[in-house]
Amino acid sequence: MKLAFFDVDGVLSIPSYDVDGRVCAGGSMEWWLRANAESYSYELCRCPKAVKKFLKDRAAEGVKLFVLSTEDIPSARENKKRFVKENYGKLFCDESMIFTQSDAEKIYVLKKYAEKENIPFEEVYYLDDTYSMVLTACEFGFDAHHVSEFLE
């Protein structure tokens, strides 16, 4: 493993939001727009301890770590960046936080970085909570994993 990419919601963060006075995993798109425009939406979210340990271990091995998240709302991107910085410190820098407009673009990003670094796809680790994205990445030959592996 030379490069590793991690989704935010459901991977680097445990979704927990105040949705109109009720704490839950999220709400409607209207709520998401409002929550990110009005405040720091990730206030109640936490980090999965096993994922954080995995990241620290990979960083110690010299693996280049990246955030790879689908988000097209600028204020939500800023809230995700803040969450990552506050909870993962120097494991990720601004340049290593990549945002796409759609999930499908994530595969393009994985390919682009592997080719740029001249690294075989199978040496690019990818962790997501969307199973269809994991399967698609596997079809391309990436070392793709579902976050549920960290539940053991």
C-alpha atoms as a PDB file:
ATOM      1  CA  MET A   1       0.000   0.000   0.000  1.00  0.00           C
ATOM      2  CA  LYS A   2       1.442   3.337  -1.091  1.00  0.00           C
ATOM      3  CA  LEU A   3      -1.650   5.576  -1.256  1.00  0.00           C
ATOM      4  CA  ALA A   4      -4.808   5.409   0.868  1.00  0.00           C
ATOM      5  CA  PHE A   5      -8.116   7.238   0.369  1.00  0.00           C
ATOM      6  CA  PHE A   6     -10.873   7.608   2.967  1.00  0.00           C
ATOM      7  CA  ASP A   7     -14.443   8.857   2.698  1.00  0.00           C
ATOM      8  CA  VAL A   8     -15.643  11.240   5.420  1.00  0.00           C
ATOM      9  CA  ASP A   9     -19.284  10.537   6.298  1.00  0.00           C
ATOM     10  CA  GLY A  10     -19.580   7.034   7.701  1.00  0.00           C
ATOM     11  CA  VAL A  11     -15.816   6.362   7.551  1.00  0.00           C
ATOM     12  CA  LEU A  12     -13.811   9.187   9.159  1.00  0.00           C
ATOM     13  CA  SER A  13     -16.902  10.406  10.987  1.00  0.00           C
ATOM     14  CA  ILE A  14     -19.686   8.605  12.779  1.00  0.00           C
ATOM     15  CA  PRO A  15     -22.724  10.527  11.521  1.00  0.00           C
ATOM     16  CA  SER A  16     -24.598  12.133  14.396  1.00  0.00           C
ATOM     17  CA  TYR A  17     -26.449  15.367  13.699  1.00  0.00           C
ATOM     18  CA  ASP A  18     -29.041  17.587  15.341  1.00  0.00           C
ATOM     19  CA  VAL A  19     -31.916  17.333  12.883  1.00  0.00           C
ATOM     20  CA  ASP A  20     -34.561  19.736  14.097  1.00  0.00           C
ATOM     21  CA  GLY A  21     -33.942  18.867  17.756  1.00  0.00           C
ATOM     22  CA  ARG A  22     -33.524  15.133  17.221  1.00  0.00           C
ATOM     23  CA  VAL A  23     -30.068  13.506  17.128  1.00  0.00           C
ATOM     24  CA  CYS A  24     -29.802  11.105  14.185  1.00  0.00           C
ATOM     25  CA  ALA A  25     -27.628  10.092  11.218  1.00  0.00           C
ATOM     26  CA  GLY A  26     -28.869  12.877   8.944  1.00  0.00           C
ATOM     27  CA  GLY A  27     -31.822  14.504   7.275  1.00  0.00           C
ATOM     28  CA  SER A  28     -33.145  15.801   3.998  1.00  0.00           C
ATOM     29  CA  MET A  29     -31.095  17.719   1.449  1.00  0.00           C
ATOM     30  CA  GLU A  30     -32.929  20.873   2.544  1.00  0.00           C
ATOM     31  CA  TRP A  31     -31.840  20.222   6.132  1.00  0.00           C
ATOM     32  CA  TRP A  32     -28.203  19.537   4.998  1.00  0.00           C
ATOM     33  CA  LEU A  33     -28.059  22.833   3.118  1.00  0.00           C
ATOM     34  CA  ARG A  34     -29.453  24.732   6.105  1.00  0.00           C
ATOM     35  CA  ALA A  35     -27.316  22.927   8.701  1.00  0.00           C
ATOM     36  CA  ASN A  36     -24.083  23.666   6.860  1.00  0.00           C
ATOM     37  CA  ALA A  37     -24.974  27.253   6.042  1.00  0.00           C
ATOM     38  CA  GLU A  38     -26.004  28.136   9.587  1.00  0.00           C
ATOM     39  CA  SER A  39     -23.475  26.288  11.757  1.00  0.00           C
ATOM     40  CA  TYR A  40     -20.795  23.647  12.162  1.00  0.00           C
ATOM     41  CA  SER A  41     -22.818  20.577  11.202  1.00  0.00           C
ATOM     42  CA  TYR A  42     -20.267  18.043  12.525  1.00  0.00           C
ATOM     43  CA  GLU A  43     -20.440  19.152  16.165  1.00  0.00           C
ATOM     44  CA  LEU A  44     -21.959  15.865  17.377  1.00  0.00           C
ATOM     45  CA  CYS A  45     -20.002  13.546  15.051  1.00  0.00           C
ATOM     46  CA  ARG A  46     -17.246  11.339  16.447  1.00  0.00           C
ATOM     47  CA  CYS A  47     -14.243   9.446  15.048  1.00  0.00           C
ATOM     48  CA  PRO A  48     -14.236   5.662  14.843  1.00  0.00           C
ATOM     49  CA  LYS A  49     -11.297   4.625  17.048  1.00  0.00           C
ATOM     50  CA  ALA A  50     -10.296   1.627  14.904  1.00  0.00           C
ATOM     51  CA  VAL A  51     -10.171   3.753  11.737  1.00  0.00           C
ATOM     52  CA  LYS A  52      -8.102   6.416  13.493  1.00  0.00           C
ATOM     53  CA  LYS A  53      -5.607   3.802  14.696  1.00  0.00           C
ATOM     54  CA  PHE A  54      -5.433   2.332  11.190  1.00  0.00           C
ATOM     55  CA  LEU A  55      -4.660   5.795   9.786  1.00  0.00           C
ATOM     56  CA  LYS A  56      -1.911   6.424  12.328  1.00  0.00           C
ATOM     57  CA  ASP A  57      -0.340   3.051  11.590  1.00  0.00           C
ATOM     58  CA  ARG A  58      -0.397   3.673   7.822  1.00  0.00           C
ATOM     59  CA  ALA A  59       1.080   7.165   8.254  1.00  0.00           C
ATOM     60  CA  ALA A  60       3.906   5.664  10.338  1.00  0.00           C
ATOM     61  CA  GLU A  61       4.601   3.284   7.430  1.00  0.00           C
ATOM     62  CA  GLY A  62       4.902   6.235   5.039  1.00  0.00           C
ATOM     63  CA  VAL A  63       1.610   5.715   3.221  1.00  0.00           C
ATOM     64  CA  LYS A  64       0.254   8.928   1.671  1.00  0.00           C
ATOM     65  CA  LEU A  65      -3.216   9.542   3.138  1.00  0.00           C
ATOM     66  CA  PHE A  66      -6.089  11.327   1.395  1.00  0.00           C
ATOM     67  CA  VAL A  67      -9.653  12.310   2.158  1.00  0.00           C
ATOM     68  CA  LEU A  68     -11.945  11.491  -0.772  1.00  0.00           C
ATOM     69  CA  SER A  69     -15.484  12.725  -0.230  1.00  0.00           C
ATOM     70  CA  THR A  70     -18.434  13.553  -2.436  1.00  0.00           C
ATOM     71  CA  GLU A  71     -19.682  17.037  -1.586  1.00  0.00           C
ATOM     72  CA  ASP A  72     -20.698  19.918  -3.833  1.00  0.00           C
ATOM     73  CA  ILE A  73     -21.863  22.363  -1.161  1.00  0.00           C
ATOM     74  CA  PRO A  74     -18.975  24.733  -0.287  1.00  0.00           C
ATOM     75  CA  SER A  75     -20.030  25.235   3.349  1.00  0.00           C
ATOM     76  CA  ALA A  76     -20.364  21.463   3.855  1.00  0.00           C
ATOM     77  CA  ARG A  77     -16.890  20.967   2.374  1.00  0.00           C
ATOM     78  CA  GLU A  78     -15.515  23.475   4.873  1.00  0.00           C
ATOM     79  CA  ASN A  79     -17.293  21.700   7.739  1.00  0.00           C
ATOM     80  CA  LYS A  80     -15.855  18.352   6.623  1.00  0.00           C
ATOM     81  CA  LYS A  81     -12.360  19.860   6.435  1.00  0.00           C
ATOM     82  CA  ARG A  82     -12.765  21.311   9.915  1.00  0.00           C
ATOM     83  CA  PHE A  83     -13.920  17.972  11.311  1.00  0.00           C
ATOM     84  CA  VAL A  84     -10.957  16.161   9.753  1.00  0.00           C
ATOM     85  CA  LYS A  85      -8.445  18.763  10.981  1.00  0.00           C
ATOM     86  CA  GLU A  86      -9.853  18.806  14.520  1.00  0.00           C
ATOM     87  CA  ASN A  87     -10.045  15.033  14.837  1.00  0.00           C
ATOM     88  CA  TYR A  88      -7.175  13.704  12.745  1.00  0.00           C
ATOM     89  CA  GLY A  89      -4.631  16.492  13.190  1.00  0.00           C
ATOM     90  CA  LYS A  90      -1.716  16.382  10.805  1.00  0.00           C
ATOM     91  CA  LEU A  91      -2.661  13.050   9.220  1.00  0.00           C
ATOM     92  CA  PHE A  92      -4.359  15.076   6.476  1.00  0.00           C
ATOM     93  CA  CYS A  93      -3.397  18.487   5.099  1.00  0.00           C
ATOM     94  CA  ASP A  94      -5.578  20.760   2.945  1.00  0.00           C
ATOM     95  CA  GLU A  95      -3.942  19.445  -0.228  1.00  0.00           C
ATOM     96  CA  SER A  96      -4.822  15.870   0.718  1.00  0.00           C
ATOM     97  CA  MET A  97      -8.555  16.607   1.036  1.00  0.00           C
ATOM     98  CA  ILE A  98     -10.238  15.893  -2.281  1.00  0.00           C
ATOM     99  CA  PHE A  99     -13.900  16.561  -2.967  1.00  0.00           C
ATOM    100  CA  THR A 100     -15.901  15.332  -5.930  1.00  0.00           C
ATOM    101  CA  GLN A 101     -19.272  16.366  -7.331  1.00  0.00           C
ATOM    102  CA  SER A 102     -20.461  12.734  -7.578  1.00  0.00           C
ATOM    103  CA  ASP A 103     -19.516   9.305  -6.261  1.00  0.00           C
ATOM    104  CA  ALA A 104     -18.620   8.138  -9.773  1.00  0.00           C
ATOM    105  CA  GLU A 105     -15.839  10.752  -9.912  1.00  0.00           C
ATOM    106  CA  LYS A 106     -14.080   9.048  -7.004  1.00  0.00           C
ATOM    107  CA  ILE A 107     -12.872   6.269  -9.314  1.00  0.00           C
ATOM    108  CA  TYR A 108     -11.413   8.876 -11.667  1.00  0.00           C
ATOM    109  CA  VAL A 109      -9.520  10.427  -8.717  1.00  0.00           C
ATOM    110  CA  LEU A 110      -8.130   7.047  -7.626  1.00  0.00           C
ATOM    111  CA  LYS A 111      -6.950   6.338 -11.172  1.00  0.00           C
ATOM    112  CA  LYS A 112      -5.456   9.820 -11.587  1.00  0.00           C
ATOM    113  CA  TYR A 113      -3.405   9.623  -8.382  1.00  0.00           C
ATOM    114  CA  ALA A 114      -2.221   6.063  -9.056  1.00  0.00           C
ATOM    115  CA  GLU A 115      -1.091   7.026 -12.537  1.00  0.00           C
ATOM    116  CA  LYS A 116       0.518  10.277 -11.328  1.00  0.00           C
ATOM    117  CA  GLU A 117       2.506   8.370  -8.685  1.00  0.00           C
ATOM    118  CA  ASN A 118       3.145   5.458 -11.093  1.00  0.00           C
ATOM    119  CA  ILE A 119       1.593   3.024  -8.617  1.00  0.00           C
ATOM    120  CA  PRO A 120      -0.353  -0.112  -9.611  1.00  0.00           C
ATOM    121  CA  PHE A 121      -4.054   0.146  -8.765  1.00  0.00           C
ATOM    122  CA  GLU A 122      -3.791  -2.814  -6.374  1.00  0.00           C
ATOM    123  CA  GLU A 123      -1.439  -0.741  -4.176  1.00  0.00           C
ATOM    124  CA  VAL A 124      -4.047   1.992  -3.746  1.00  0.00           C
ATOM    125  CA  TYR A 125      -6.184   1.435  -0.630  1.00  0.00           C
ATOM    126  CA  TYR A 126      -9.728   2.832  -0.663  1.00  0.00           C
ATOM    127  CA  LEU A 127     -12.171   2.809   2.289  1.00  0.00           C
ATOM    128  CA  ASP A 128     -15.801   3.799   1.855  1.00  0.00           C
ATOM    129  CA  ASP A 129     -19.164   3.100   3.462  1.00  0.00           C
ATOM    130  CA  THR A 130     -21.028   2.891   0.148  1.00  0.00           C
ATOM    131  CA  TYR A 131     -20.817  -0.750  -0.862  1.00  0.00           C
ATOM    132  CA  SER A 132     -21.485  -0.087  -4.541  1.00  0.00           C
ATOM    133  CA  MET A 133     -18.463   2.250  -4.614  1.00  0.00           C
ATOM    134  CA  VAL A 134     -16.304  -0.438  -3.013  1.00  0.00           C
ATOM    135  CA  LEU A 135     -17.431  -2.968  -5.631  1.00  0.00           C
ATOM    136  CA  THR A 136     -16.772  -0.529  -8.478  1.00  0.00           C
ATOM    137  CA  ALA A 137     -13.300   0.244  -7.163  1.00  0.00           C
ATOM    138  CA  CYS A 138     -12.601  -3.499  -6.876  1.00  0.00           C
ATOM    139  CA  GLU A 139     -13.661  -3.966 -10.508  1.00  0.00           C
ATOM    140  CA  PHE A 140     -10.942  -1.491 -11.500  1.00  0.00           C
ATOM    141  CA  GLY A 141      -8.373  -3.386  -9.430  1.00  0.00           C
ATOM    142  CA  PHE A 142      -8.074  -1.081  -6.422  1.00  0.00           C
ATOM    143  CA  ASP A 143      -7.586  -2.454  -2.893  1.00  0.00           C
ATOM    144  CA  ALA A 144     -11.088  -1.357  -1.887  1.00  0.00           C
ATOM    145  CA  HIS A 145     -12.715  -2.034   1.479  1.00  0.00           C
ATOM    146  CA  HIS A 146     -16.019  -1.385   3.231  1.00  0.00           C
ATOM    147  CA  VAL A 147     -15.902   0.335   6.618  1.00  0.00           C
ATOM    148  CA  SER A 148     -17.762  -2.583   8.193  1.00  0.00           C
ATOM    149  CA  GLU A 149     -14.397  -4.405   8.304  1.00  0.00           C
ATOM    150  CA  PHE A 150     -13.576  -2.174  11.271  1.00  0.00           C
ATOM    151  CA  LEU A 151     -16.511  -3.476  13.318  1.00  0.00           C
ATOM    152  CA  GLU A 152     -14.751  -6.679  14.327  1.00  0.00           C
END
